[in-house]
Amino acid sequence: MKIAVLGAGAMGSLFACYLSVNNEVFLIDHKIEKIDKINKDGIELIENDNSRHFYNIPAYMYDENLPKPDIIFSFVKSIKNMEALENISHLISDDTILVSLQNGYGNDKDLEMFQDKSHVVIGSTTHGSTILSYGKVFHAGSGKSFLGENDFNKDSLNIVKKVLIDSGFDLEISQNIEKLMIEKLFINIGINAITALADKENSCIYKNSHAREMSKLLVSEACHIFNLYGYDFDKEEIFDRVIETAKKTGKNTSSMRADLLKKNESEIDKINKVIVDKAMAKGIACPYNEAITLLIKAKEENI
């Protein structure tokens, strides 16, 4: 299969490496210095056991003359989906499958602006990955990936499913991917902003009593807000999953922490602010998620 990976960051590079073993893969990014480094030296992937593997994967700018791929995996920051997909819209044919395993909530609506529902596959992944430098990636924690099956996308999903399984990914298909996406949102809510503000690895969520308590408050509040919309999330069960994920990815730098360290805009609007907006729509307050959203935005404004 000819596969384009949109975004040569931590997760995009990780998936590109694994996918490249059995497929024709190329990366697309907007930073010329990153592209030049990858084309010159390839990608070095360091696994959690400190084993090192090297991959030669071509990388291109958005506006280069590229072949139309069979599948496009979007691994840009979710807040950049619309801009990035607009930049490569000329590569999206009627048969191109668009896939998102990104953080954040509402990515399906972004992809459906550029492709029919039958060719859109949404999912999530619990893999943890950190960029050490351009072309050098630390795979901090292996995990499971999920794809959502619906009445529209079964044929496309089966293609993506085979590609991922053949590439070595532990995969599960869900008929209720929205619930899984919300659960992944809760995990991001319980880890990302806290580690970004504390400037610590994911392990701080279970090692630091103050970080752990803040995480619990954020997650409990988020569960409460979503339950107002007809869901039935158990806040204790969800928080246990947050701690489990923090332990599995303890050495990882969360994507939000990485964004602030690199002086980039974060995905706070598609993570904690989702809770703020949903609470506002119900006419109630959510002080913990609102406060941490404002703190992250204040940090961004100073960058």
C-alpha atoms as a PDB file:
ATOM      1  CA  MET A   1       0.000   0.000   0.000  1.00  0.00           C
ATOM      2  CA  LYS A   2       1.104   3.555  -0.655  1.00  0.00           C
ATOM      3  CA  ILE A   3       0.752   5.383   2.657  1.00  0.00           C
ATOM      4  CA  ALA A   4       1.287   9.055   3.534  1.00  0.00           C
ATOM      5  CA  VAL A   5       1.844  10.024   7.151  1.00  0.00           C
ATOM      6  CA  LEU A   6       0.889  13.628   7.754  1.00  0.00           C
ATOM      7  CA  GLY A   7       3.118  15.078  10.463  1.00  0.00           C
ATOM      8  CA  ALA A   8       6.666  13.910  11.162  1.00  0.00           C
ATOM      9  CA  GLY A   9       6.425  14.383  14.913  1.00  0.00           C
ATOM     10  CA  ALA A  10       6.655  11.757  17.638  1.00  0.00           C
ATOM     11  CA  MET A  11       3.621   9.644  16.768  1.00  0.00           C
ATOM     12  CA  GLY A  12       3.799  10.229  13.019  1.00  0.00           C
ATOM     13  CA  SER A  13       7.421   9.101  12.918  1.00  0.00           C
ATOM     14  CA  LEU A  14       6.703   6.079  15.119  1.00  0.00           C
ATOM     15  CA  PHE A  15       3.841   4.852  12.952  1.00  0.00           C
ATOM     16  CA  ALA A  16       5.721   5.625   9.744  1.00  0.00           C
ATOM     17  CA  CYS A  17       8.592   3.405  10.912  1.00  0.00           C
ATOM     18  CA  TYR A  18       6.367   0.427  11.690  1.00  0.00           C
ATOM     19  CA  LEU A  19       4.219   0.884   8.589  1.00  0.00           C
ATOM     20  CA  SER A  20       7.262   1.152   6.310  1.00  0.00           C
ATOM     21  CA  VAL A  21       8.263  -2.480   6.872  1.00  0.00           C
ATOM     22  CA  ASN A  22       5.508  -3.789   4.562  1.00  0.00           C
ATOM     23  CA  ASN A  23       4.330  -0.654   2.740  1.00  0.00           C
ATOM     24  CA  GLU A  24       5.550   2.240   0.609  1.00  0.00           C
ATOM     25  CA  VAL A  25       5.481   5.047   3.175  1.00  0.00           C
ATOM     26  CA  PHE A  26       6.356   8.730   2.968  1.00  0.00           C
ATOM     27  CA  LEU A  27       6.125  11.549   5.495  1.00  0.00           C
ATOM     28  CA  ILE A  28       4.690  15.017   4.904  1.00  0.00           C
ATOM     29  CA  ASP A  29       5.585  17.952   7.146  1.00  0.00           C
ATOM     30  CA  HIS A  30       5.857  21.749   7.084  1.00  0.00           C
ATOM     31  CA  LYS A  31       9.336  22.166   8.604  1.00  0.00           C
ATOM     32  CA  ILE A  32      12.071  22.043   5.990  1.00  0.00           C
ATOM     33  CA  GLU A  33      14.833  21.492   8.560  1.00  0.00           C
ATOM     34  CA  LYS A  34      13.031  18.398   9.873  1.00  0.00           C
ATOM     35  CA  ILE A  35      12.480  17.066   6.365  1.00  0.00           C
ATOM     36  CA  ASP A  36      16.110  17.654   5.380  1.00  0.00           C
ATOM     37  CA  LYS A  37      17.360  15.831   8.489  1.00  0.00           C
ATOM     38  CA  ILE A  38      15.107  12.810   7.917  1.00  0.00           C
ATOM     39  CA  ASN A  39      16.036  12.591   4.233  1.00  0.00           C
ATOM     40  CA  LYS A  40      19.730  12.862   5.078  1.00  0.00           C
ATOM     41  CA  ASP A  41      19.982  10.479   8.045  1.00  0.00           C
ATOM     42  CA  GLY A  42      16.709   8.546   8.187  1.00  0.00           C
ATOM     43  CA  ILE A  43      14.787   7.943  11.415  1.00  0.00           C
ATOM     44  CA  GLU A  44      16.364   6.348  14.475  1.00  0.00           C
ATOM     45  CA  LEU A  45      13.734   4.630  16.629  1.00  0.00           C
ATOM     46  CA  ILE A  46      14.775   3.809  20.190  1.00  0.00           C
ATOM     47  CA  GLU A  47      12.558   1.226  21.855  1.00  0.00           C
ATOM     48  CA  ASN A  48      11.816   1.086  25.574  1.00  0.00           C
ATOM     49  CA  ASP A  49      14.397  -1.699  25.998  1.00  0.00           C
ATOM     50  CA  ASN A  50      17.022   0.685  24.523  1.00  0.00           C
ATOM     51  CA  SER A  51      17.287  -1.275  21.262  1.00  0.00           C
ATOM     52  CA  ARG A  52      17.827   0.984  18.257  1.00  0.00           C
ATOM     53  CA  HIS A  53      16.414   0.613  14.765  1.00  0.00           C
ATOM     54  CA  PHE A  54      16.972   2.747  11.669  1.00  0.00           C
ATOM     55  CA  TYR A  55      14.466   3.463   8.912  1.00  0.00           C
ATOM     56  CA  ASN A  56      14.914   5.250   5.609  1.00  0.00           C
ATOM     57  CA  ILE A  57      11.600   6.976   4.955  1.00  0.00           C
ATOM     58  CA  PRO A  58      11.337   9.835   2.441  1.00  0.00           C
ATOM     59  CA  ALA A  59       9.919  13.097   3.763  1.00  0.00           C
ATOM     60  CA  TYR A  60       8.382  15.959   1.786  1.00  0.00           C
ATOM     61  CA  MET A  61       6.957  19.424   2.178  1.00  0.00           C
ATOM     62  CA  TYR A  62       3.207  19.937   1.716  1.00  0.00           C
ATOM     63  CA  ASP A  63       3.564  21.625  -1.644  1.00  0.00           C
ATOM     64  CA  GLU A  64       5.832  19.099  -3.353  1.00  0.00           C
ATOM     65  CA  ASN A  65       4.626  17.015  -6.295  1.00  0.00           C
ATOM     66  CA  LEU A  66       3.639  13.761  -4.603  1.00  0.00           C
ATOM     67  CA  PRO A  67       1.774  10.624  -5.676  1.00  0.00           C
ATOM     68  CA  LYS A  68      -1.762  10.126  -4.424  1.00  0.00           C
ATOM     69  CA  PRO A  69      -1.627   7.621  -1.551  1.00  0.00           C
ATOM     70  CA  ASP A  70      -4.068   4.827  -0.771  1.00  0.00           C
ATOM     71  CA  ILE A  71      -4.163   5.839   2.904  1.00  0.00           C
ATOM     72  CA  ILE A  72      -3.324   9.066   4.722  1.00  0.00           C
ATOM     73  CA  PHE A  73      -2.687   8.891   8.471  1.00  0.00           C
ATOM     74  CA  SER A  74      -3.072  12.303  10.104  1.00  0.00           C
ATOM     75  CA  PHE A  75      -0.647  12.765  12.989  1.00  0.00           C
ATOM     76  CA  VAL A  76      -0.456  16.537  13.075  1.00  0.00           C
ATOM     77  CA  LYS A  77      -1.714  18.186  16.232  1.00  0.00           C
ATOM     78  CA  SER A  78      -5.492  17.866  16.123  1.00  0.00           C
ATOM     79  CA  ILE A  79      -5.926  21.655  16.231  1.00  0.00           C
ATOM     80  CA  LYS A  80      -4.029  21.759  12.915  1.00  0.00           C
ATOM     81  CA  ASN A  81      -6.113  19.129  11.104  1.00  0.00           C
ATOM     82  CA  MET A  82      -8.063  21.535   8.922  1.00  0.00           C
ATOM     83  CA  GLU A  83      -5.018  23.538   7.869  1.00  0.00           C
ATOM     84  CA  ALA A  84      -2.893  20.459   7.164  1.00  0.00           C
ATOM     85  CA  LEU A  85      -5.583  18.611   5.231  1.00  0.00           C
ATOM     86  CA  GLU A  86      -6.312  21.724   3.179  1.00  0.00           C
ATOM     87  CA  ASN A  87      -2.616  21.868   2.266  1.00  0.00           C
ATOM     88  CA  ILE A  88      -2.651  18.279   0.946  1.00  0.00           C
ATOM     89  CA  SER A  89      -6.216  18.217  -0.384  1.00  0.00           C
ATOM     90  CA  HIS A  90      -4.835  17.699  -3.908  1.00  0.00           C
ATOM     91  CA  LEU A  91      -3.561  14.279  -2.761  1.00  0.00           C
ATOM     92  CA  ILE A  92      -6.980  13.090  -1.587  1.00  0.00           C
ATOM     93  CA  SER A  93      -8.687  11.112  -4.350  1.00  0.00           C
ATOM     94  CA  ASP A  94     -12.160   9.563  -4.209  1.00  0.00           C
ATOM     95  CA  ASP A  95     -10.578   6.310  -2.996  1.00  0.00           C
ATOM     96  CA  THR A  96      -8.130   7.713  -0.443  1.00  0.00           C
ATOM     97  CA  ILE A  97      -8.758   6.519   3.113  1.00  0.00           C
ATOM     98  CA  LEU A  98      -8.213   9.147   5.824  1.00  0.00           C
ATOM     99  CA  VAL A  99      -7.224   7.856   9.269  1.00  0.00           C
ATOM    100  CA  SER A 100      -6.908   9.658  12.602  1.00  0.00           C
ATOM    101  CA  LEU A 101      -5.450   8.121  15.757  1.00  0.00           C
ATOM    102  CA  GLN A 102      -4.832  11.558  17.228  1.00  0.00           C
ATOM    103  CA  ASN A 103      -5.426  13.025  20.652  1.00  0.00           C
ATOM    104  CA  GLY A 104      -8.404  15.286  21.085  1.00  0.00           C
ATOM    105  CA  TYR A 105     -12.139  15.158  20.493  1.00  0.00           C
ATOM    106  CA  GLY A 106     -13.993  15.790  17.230  1.00  0.00           C
ATOM    107  CA  ASN A 107     -11.295  14.724  14.749  1.00  0.00           C
ATOM    108  CA  ASP A 108     -13.858  12.768  12.735  1.00  0.00           C
ATOM    109  CA  LYS A 109     -15.652  15.994  11.830  1.00  0.00           C
ATOM    110  CA  ASP A 110     -12.373  17.498  10.584  1.00  0.00           C
ATOM    111  CA  LEU A 111     -11.625  14.553   8.286  1.00  0.00           C
ATOM    112  CA  GLU A 112     -15.186  14.418   6.979  1.00  0.00           C
ATOM    113  CA  MET A 113     -14.710  17.941   5.619  1.00  0.00           C
ATOM    114  CA  PHE A 114     -12.290  16.430   3.085  1.00  0.00           C
ATOM    115  CA  GLN A 115     -13.579  12.919   2.443  1.00  0.00           C
ATOM    116  CA  ASP A 116     -16.789  10.898   2.384  1.00  0.00           C
ATOM    117  CA  LYS A 117     -17.676   9.067   5.620  1.00  0.00           C
ATOM    118  CA  SER A 118     -17.138   5.738   3.881  1.00  0.00           C
ATOM    119  CA  HIS A 119     -13.426   6.552   3.578  1.00  0.00           C
ATOM    120  CA  VAL A 120     -12.843   7.957   7.071  1.00  0.00           C
ATOM    121  CA  VAL A 121     -11.526   5.758   9.892  1.00  0.00           C
ATOM    122  CA  ILE A 122     -11.231   7.169  13.412  1.00  0.00           C
ATOM    123  CA  GLY A 123      -9.470   5.534  16.314  1.00  0.00           C
ATOM    124  CA  SER A 124      -7.060   5.986  19.161  1.00  0.00           C
ATOM    125  CA  THR A 125      -3.798   4.557  20.402  1.00  0.00           C
ATOM    126  CA  THR A 126      -2.139   4.195  23.783  1.00  0.00           C
ATOM    127  CA  HIS A 127       1.408   4.115  22.398  1.00  0.00           C
ATOM    128  CA  GLY A 128       3.727   6.716  23.906  1.00  0.00           C
ATOM    129  CA  SER A 129       6.391   8.385  21.810  1.00  0.00           C
ATOM    130  CA  THR A 130       8.769  11.315  22.256  1.00  0.00           C
ATOM    131  CA  ILE A 131      10.877  13.257  19.756  1.00  0.00           C
ATOM    132  CA  LEU A 132      14.433  13.510  21.070  1.00  0.00           C
ATOM    133  CA  SER A 133      15.562  15.477  18.028  1.00  0.00           C
ATOM    134  CA  TYR A 134      14.600  15.633  14.367  1.00  0.00           C
ATOM    135  CA  GLY A 135      14.691  12.061  13.086  1.00  0.00           C
ATOM    136  CA  LYS A 136      15.316  10.552  16.531  1.00  0.00           C
ATOM    137  CA  VAL A 137      12.311   9.070  18.343  1.00  0.00           C
ATOM    138  CA  PHE A 138      11.955   7.336  21.702  1.00  0.00           C
ATOM    139  CA  HIS A 139       9.143   4.760  21.825  1.00  0.00           C
ATOM    140  CA  ALA A 140       8.367   5.221  25.506  1.00  0.00           C
ATOM    141  CA  GLY A 141       5.508   2.773  25.826  1.00  0.00           C
ATOM    142  CA  SER A 142       3.792   0.166  23.671  1.00  0.00           C
ATOM    143  CA  GLY A 143       0.058  -0.164  23.861  1.00  0.00           C
ATOM    144  CA  LYS A 144      -3.093  -1.055  22.010  1.00  0.00           C
ATOM    145  CA  SER A 145      -4.667   0.784  19.106  1.00  0.00           C
ATOM    146  CA  PHE A 146      -8.390   0.960  18.378  1.00  0.00           C
ATOM    147  CA  LEU A 147     -10.369   1.552  15.188  1.00  0.00           C
ATOM    148  CA  GLY A 148     -14.044   2.460  15.026  1.00  0.00           C
ATOM    149  CA  GLU A 149     -16.413   0.528  12.783  1.00  0.00           C
ATOM    150  CA  ASN A 150     -19.701   2.081  11.697  1.00  0.00           C
ATOM    151  CA  ASP A 151     -22.386   1.559   9.061  1.00  0.00           C
ATOM    152  CA  PHE A 152     -20.418   3.556   6.478  1.00  0.00           C
ATOM    153  CA  ASN A 153     -16.756   2.568   6.688  1.00  0.00           C
ATOM    154  CA  LYS A 154     -16.524  -1.241   6.947  1.00  0.00           C
ATOM    155  CA  ASP A 155     -14.597  -1.734   3.689  1.00  0.00           C
ATOM    156  CA  SER A 156     -12.122   1.052   4.485  1.00  0.00           C
ATOM    157  CA  LEU A 157     -11.740  -0.151   8.054  1.00  0.00           C
ATOM    158  CA  ASN A 158     -10.856  -3.690   6.917  1.00  0.00           C
ATOM    159  CA  ILE A 159      -8.072  -2.287   4.728  1.00  0.00           C
ATOM    160  CA  VAL A 160      -6.623  -0.156   7.539  1.00  0.00           C
ATOM    161  CA  LYS A 161      -7.021  -3.030  10.009  1.00  0.00           C
ATOM    162  CA  LYS A 162      -4.949  -5.388   7.840  1.00  0.00           C
ATOM    163  CA  VAL A 163      -2.265  -2.763   7.270  1.00  0.00           C
ATOM    164  CA  LEU A 164      -1.858  -2.094  11.000  1.00  0.00           C
ATOM    165  CA  ILE A 165      -1.908  -5.740  12.071  1.00  0.00           C
ATOM    166  CA  ASP A 166       0.597  -6.682   9.350  1.00  0.00           C
ATOM    167  CA  SER A 167       2.806  -3.858  10.657  1.00  0.00           C
ATOM    168  CA  GLY A 168       2.873  -5.356  14.140  1.00  0.00           C
ATOM    169  CA  PHE A 169       0.291  -3.244  15.949  1.00  0.00           C
ATOM    170  CA  ASP A 170      -1.934  -4.730  18.646  1.00  0.00           C
ATOM    171  CA  LEU A 171      -5.343  -3.737  17.329  1.00  0.00           C
ATOM    172  CA  GLU A 172      -8.948  -3.896  18.463  1.00  0.00           C
ATOM    173  CA  ILE A 173     -12.069  -2.984  16.500  1.00  0.00           C
ATOM    174  CA  SER A 174     -14.863  -1.167  18.295  1.00  0.00           C
ATOM    175  CA  GLN A 175     -18.476  -0.555  17.331  1.00  0.00           C
ATOM    176  CA  ASN A 176     -18.553   2.202  19.955  1.00  0.00           C
ATOM    177  CA  ILE A 177     -15.455   4.179  19.095  1.00  0.00           C
ATOM    178  CA  GLU A 178     -16.969   7.424  20.387  1.00  0.00           C
ATOM    179  CA  LYS A 179     -16.956   6.012  23.926  1.00  0.00           C
ATOM    180  CA  LEU A 180     -13.339   4.904  23.511  1.00  0.00           C
ATOM    181  CA  MET A 181     -12.393   8.315  22.134  1.00  0.00           C
ATOM    182  CA  ILE A 182     -13.960   9.986  25.163  1.00  0.00           C
ATOM    183  CA  GLU A 183     -12.074   7.604  27.470  1.00  0.00           C
ATOM    184  CA  LYS A 184      -8.840   8.518  25.657  1.00  0.00           C
ATOM    185  CA  LEU A 185      -9.805  12.178  26.114  1.00  0.00           C
ATOM    186  CA  PHE A 186     -10.102  11.553  29.865  1.00  0.00           C
ATOM    187  CA  ILE A 187      -6.595  10.053  29.903  1.00  0.00           C
ATOM    188  CA  ASN A 188      -5.223  13.109  28.095  1.00  0.00           C
ATOM    189  CA  ILE A 189      -7.096  15.338  30.536  1.00  0.00           C
ATOM    190  CA  GLY A 190      -5.519  13.511  33.462  1.00  0.00           C
ATOM    191  CA  ILE A 191      -1.949  13.678  32.149  1.00  0.00           C
ATOM    192  CA  ASN A 192      -1.106  16.243  29.492  1.00  0.00           C
ATOM    193  CA  ALA A 193      -1.733  19.685  30.967  1.00  0.00           C
ATOM    194  CA  ILE A 194      -0.388  18.700  34.384  1.00  0.00           C
ATOM    195  CA  THR A 195       2.883  17.369  32.998  1.00  0.00           C
ATOM    196  CA  ALA A 196       3.144  20.438  30.756  1.00  0.00           C
ATOM    197  CA  LEU A 197       2.786  22.887  33.632  1.00  0.00           C
ATOM    198  CA  ALA A 198       4.954  20.844  36.015  1.00  0.00           C
ATOM    199  CA  ASP A 199       7.494  20.254  33.216  1.00  0.00           C
ATOM    200  CA  LYS A 200       7.825  16.606  34.202  1.00  0.00           C
ATOM    201  CA  GLU A 201       7.551  13.194  32.534  1.00  0.00           C
ATOM    202  CA  ASN A 202       4.291  11.228  32.690  1.00  0.00           C
ATOM    203  CA  SER A 203       5.497   9.332  35.758  1.00  0.00           C
ATOM    204  CA  CYS A 204       4.828  12.411  37.901  1.00  0.00           C
ATOM    205  CA  ILE A 205       1.098  11.661  37.706  1.00  0.00           C
ATOM    206  CA  TYR A 206       1.474   8.629  39.966  1.00  0.00           C
ATOM    207  CA  LYS A 207       4.715   9.504  41.772  1.00  0.00           C
ATOM    208  CA  ASN A 208       3.839  13.056  42.854  1.00  0.00           C
ATOM    209  CA  SER A 209       0.923  13.226  45.304  1.00  0.00           C
ATOM    210  CA  HIS A 210      -0.061  16.759  44.241  1.00  0.00           C
ATOM    211  CA  ALA A 211      -0.027  15.910  40.533  1.00  0.00           C
ATOM    212  CA  ARG A 212      -2.017  12.755  41.245  1.00  0.00           C
ATOM    213  CA  GLU A 213      -4.666  14.695  43.178  1.00  0.00           C
ATOM    214  CA  MET A 214      -4.929  17.340  40.435  1.00  0.00           C
ATOM    215  CA  SER A 215      -5.312  14.593  37.851  1.00  0.00           C
ATOM    216  CA  LYS A 216      -8.096  12.981  39.860  1.00  0.00           C
ATOM    217  CA  LEU A 217      -9.959  16.284  40.187  1.00  0.00           C
ATOM    218  CA  LEU A 218      -9.734  16.991  36.452  1.00  0.00           C
ATOM    219  CA  VAL A 219     -10.831  13.485  35.455  1.00  0.00           C
ATOM    220  CA  SER A 220     -13.698  13.329  37.961  1.00  0.00           C
ATOM    221  CA  GLU A 221     -14.998  16.665  36.734  1.00  0.00           C
ATOM    222  CA  ALA A 222     -14.722  15.582  33.091  1.00  0.00           C
ATOM    223  CA  CYS A 223     -16.622  12.354  33.769  1.00  0.00           C
ATOM    224  CA  HIS A 224     -19.350  14.303  35.552  1.00  0.00           C
ATOM    225  CA  ILE A 225     -19.772  16.707  32.639  1.00  0.00           C
ATOM    226  CA  PHE A 226     -19.983  13.937  30.026  1.00  0.00           C
ATOM    227  CA  ASN A 227     -22.441  11.993  32.185  1.00  0.00           C
ATOM    228  CA  LEU A 228     -24.767  14.993  31.977  1.00  0.00           C
ATOM    229  CA  TYR A 229     -24.989  14.153  28.261  1.00  0.00           C
ATOM    230  CA  GLY A 230     -26.311  10.632  28.874  1.00  0.00           C
ATOM    231  CA  TYR A 231     -23.097   8.699  29.423  1.00  0.00           C
ATOM    232  CA  ASP A 232     -22.368   6.542  32.458  1.00  0.00           C
ATOM    233  CA  PHE A 233     -18.623   6.828  33.079  1.00  0.00           C
ATOM    234  CA  ASP A 234     -17.298   5.544  36.408  1.00  0.00           C
ATOM    235  CA  LYS A 235     -14.860   8.234  37.552  1.00  0.00           C
ATOM    236  CA  GLU A 236     -12.879   5.842  39.780  1.00  0.00           C
ATOM    237  CA  GLU A 237     -12.495   3.311  36.985  1.00  0.00           C
ATOM    238  CA  ILE A 238     -11.440   6.002  34.520  1.00  0.00           C
ATOM    239  CA  PHE A 239      -8.911   7.443  36.948  1.00  0.00           C
ATOM    240  CA  ASP A 240      -7.417   3.970  37.463  1.00  0.00           C
ATOM    241  CA  ARG A 241      -6.851   3.857  33.692  1.00  0.00           C
ATOM    242  CA  VAL A 242      -5.140   7.251  33.818  1.00  0.00           C
ATOM    243  CA  ILE A 243      -2.725   5.962  36.468  1.00  0.00           C
ATOM    244  CA  GLU A 244      -2.159   2.738  34.519  1.00  0.00           C
ATOM    245  CA  THR A 245      -1.352   4.741  31.368  1.00  0.00           C
ATOM    246  CA  ALA A 246       0.965   7.074  33.283  1.00  0.00           C
ATOM    247  CA  LYS A 247       2.858   4.041  34.571  1.00  0.00           C
ATOM    248  CA  LYS A 248       3.103   2.432  31.125  1.00  0.00           C
ATOM    249  CA  THR A 249       4.368   5.682  29.585  1.00  0.00           C
ATOM    250  CA  GLY A 250       6.239   6.942  32.632  1.00  0.00           C
ATOM    251  CA  LYS A 251       9.342   7.993  30.705  1.00  0.00           C
ATOM    252  CA  ASN A 252       7.317   9.768  28.050  1.00  0.00           C
ATOM    253  CA  THR A 253       7.086  13.508  27.521  1.00  0.00           C
ATOM    254  CA  SER A 254       3.414  14.218  26.896  1.00  0.00           C
ATOM    255  CA  SER A 255       2.558  15.946  23.634  1.00  0.00           C
ATOM    256  CA  MET A 256       1.414  19.070  25.471  1.00  0.00           C
ATOM    257  CA  ARG A 257       4.626  19.301  27.478  1.00  0.00           C
ATOM    258  CA  ALA A 258       6.598  18.815  24.266  1.00  0.00           C
ATOM    259  CA  ASP A 259       4.610  21.617  22.592  1.00  0.00           C
ATOM    260  CA  LEU A 260       5.364  24.084  25.374  1.00  0.00           C
ATOM    261  CA  LEU A 261       9.041  23.094  25.474  1.00  0.00           C
ATOM    262  CA  LYS A 262       9.229  23.722  21.723  1.00  0.00           C
ATOM    263  CA  LYS A 263       7.286  26.977  22.141  1.00  0.00           C
ATOM    264  CA  ASN A 264       4.416  25.670  20.020  1.00  0.00           C
ATOM    265  CA  GLU A 265       0.674  26.038  20.430  1.00  0.00           C
ATOM    266  CA  SER A 266      -0.802  23.118  22.391  1.00  0.00           C
ATOM    267  CA  GLU A 267      -3.913  20.997  21.859  1.00  0.00           C
ATOM    268  CA  ILE A 268      -5.604  22.324  25.007  1.00  0.00           C
ATOM    269  CA  ASP A 269      -8.663  23.438  22.992  1.00  0.00           C
ATOM    270  CA  LYS A 270      -9.312  19.820  21.942  1.00  0.00           C
ATOM    271  CA  ILE A 271      -8.629  18.368  25.384  1.00  0.00           C
ATOM    272  CA  ASN A 272      -9.492  20.216  28.631  1.00  0.00           C
ATOM    273  CA  LYS A 273     -11.379  23.031  26.911  1.00  0.00           C
ATOM    274  CA  VAL A 274     -13.785  20.441  25.474  1.00  0.00           C
ATOM    275  CA  ILE A 275     -15.006  19.954  29.044  1.00  0.00           C
ATOM    276  CA  VAL A 276     -15.277  23.704  29.597  1.00  0.00           C
ATOM    277  CA  ASP A 277     -17.388  24.121  26.460  1.00  0.00           C
ATOM    278  CA  LYS A 278     -19.663  21.196  27.308  1.00  0.00           C
ATOM    279  CA  ALA A 279     -20.177  22.496  30.844  1.00  0.00           C
ATOM    280  CA  MET A 280     -20.951  25.973  29.522  1.00  0.00           C
ATOM    281  CA  ALA A 281     -23.568  24.498  27.176  1.00  0.00           C
ATOM    282  CA  LYS A 282     -25.277  23.014  30.239  1.00  0.00           C
ATOM    283  CA  GLY A 283     -24.994  26.262  32.165  1.00  0.00           C
ATOM    284  CA  ILE A 284     -22.729  24.896  34.870  1.00  0.00           C
ATOM    285  CA  ALA A 285     -19.171  25.544  35.991  1.00  0.00           C
ATOM    286  CA  CYS A 286     -16.166  23.225  35.747  1.00  0.00           C
ATOM    287  CA  PRO A 287     -13.522  25.109  37.746  1.00  0.00           C
ATOM    288  CA  TYR A 288     -10.680  22.604  37.524  1.00  0.00           C
ATOM    289  CA  ASN A 289     -10.637  22.138  33.746  1.00  0.00           C
ATOM    290  CA  GLU A 290     -11.319  25.833  33.202  1.00  0.00           C
ATOM    291  CA  ALA A 291      -8.437  26.830  35.462  1.00  0.00           C
ATOM    292  CA  ILE A 292      -5.911  24.514  33.864  1.00  0.00           C
ATOM    293  CA  THR A 293      -7.044  25.579  30.378  1.00  0.00           C
ATOM    294  CA  LEU A 294      -6.412  29.209  31.292  1.00  0.00           C
ATOM    295  CA  LEU A 295      -3.020  28.370  32.788  1.00  0.00           C
ATOM    296  CA  ILE A 296      -1.909  26.569  29.631  1.00  0.00           C
ATOM    297  CA  LYS A 297      -3.120  29.459  27.475  1.00  0.00           C
ATOM    298  CA  ALA A 298      -1.290  31.906  29.741  1.00  0.00           C
ATOM    299  CA  LYS A 299       1.863  29.814  29.292  1.00  0.00           C
ATOM    300  CA  GLU A 300       1.394  29.821  25.520  1.00  0.00           C
ATOM    301  CA  GLU A 301       0.931  33.587  25.461  1.00  0.00           C
ATOM    302  CA  ASN A 302       4.304  34.033  27.152  1.00  0.00           C
ATOM    303  CA  ILE A 303       6.085  31.834  24.628  1.00  0.00           C
END
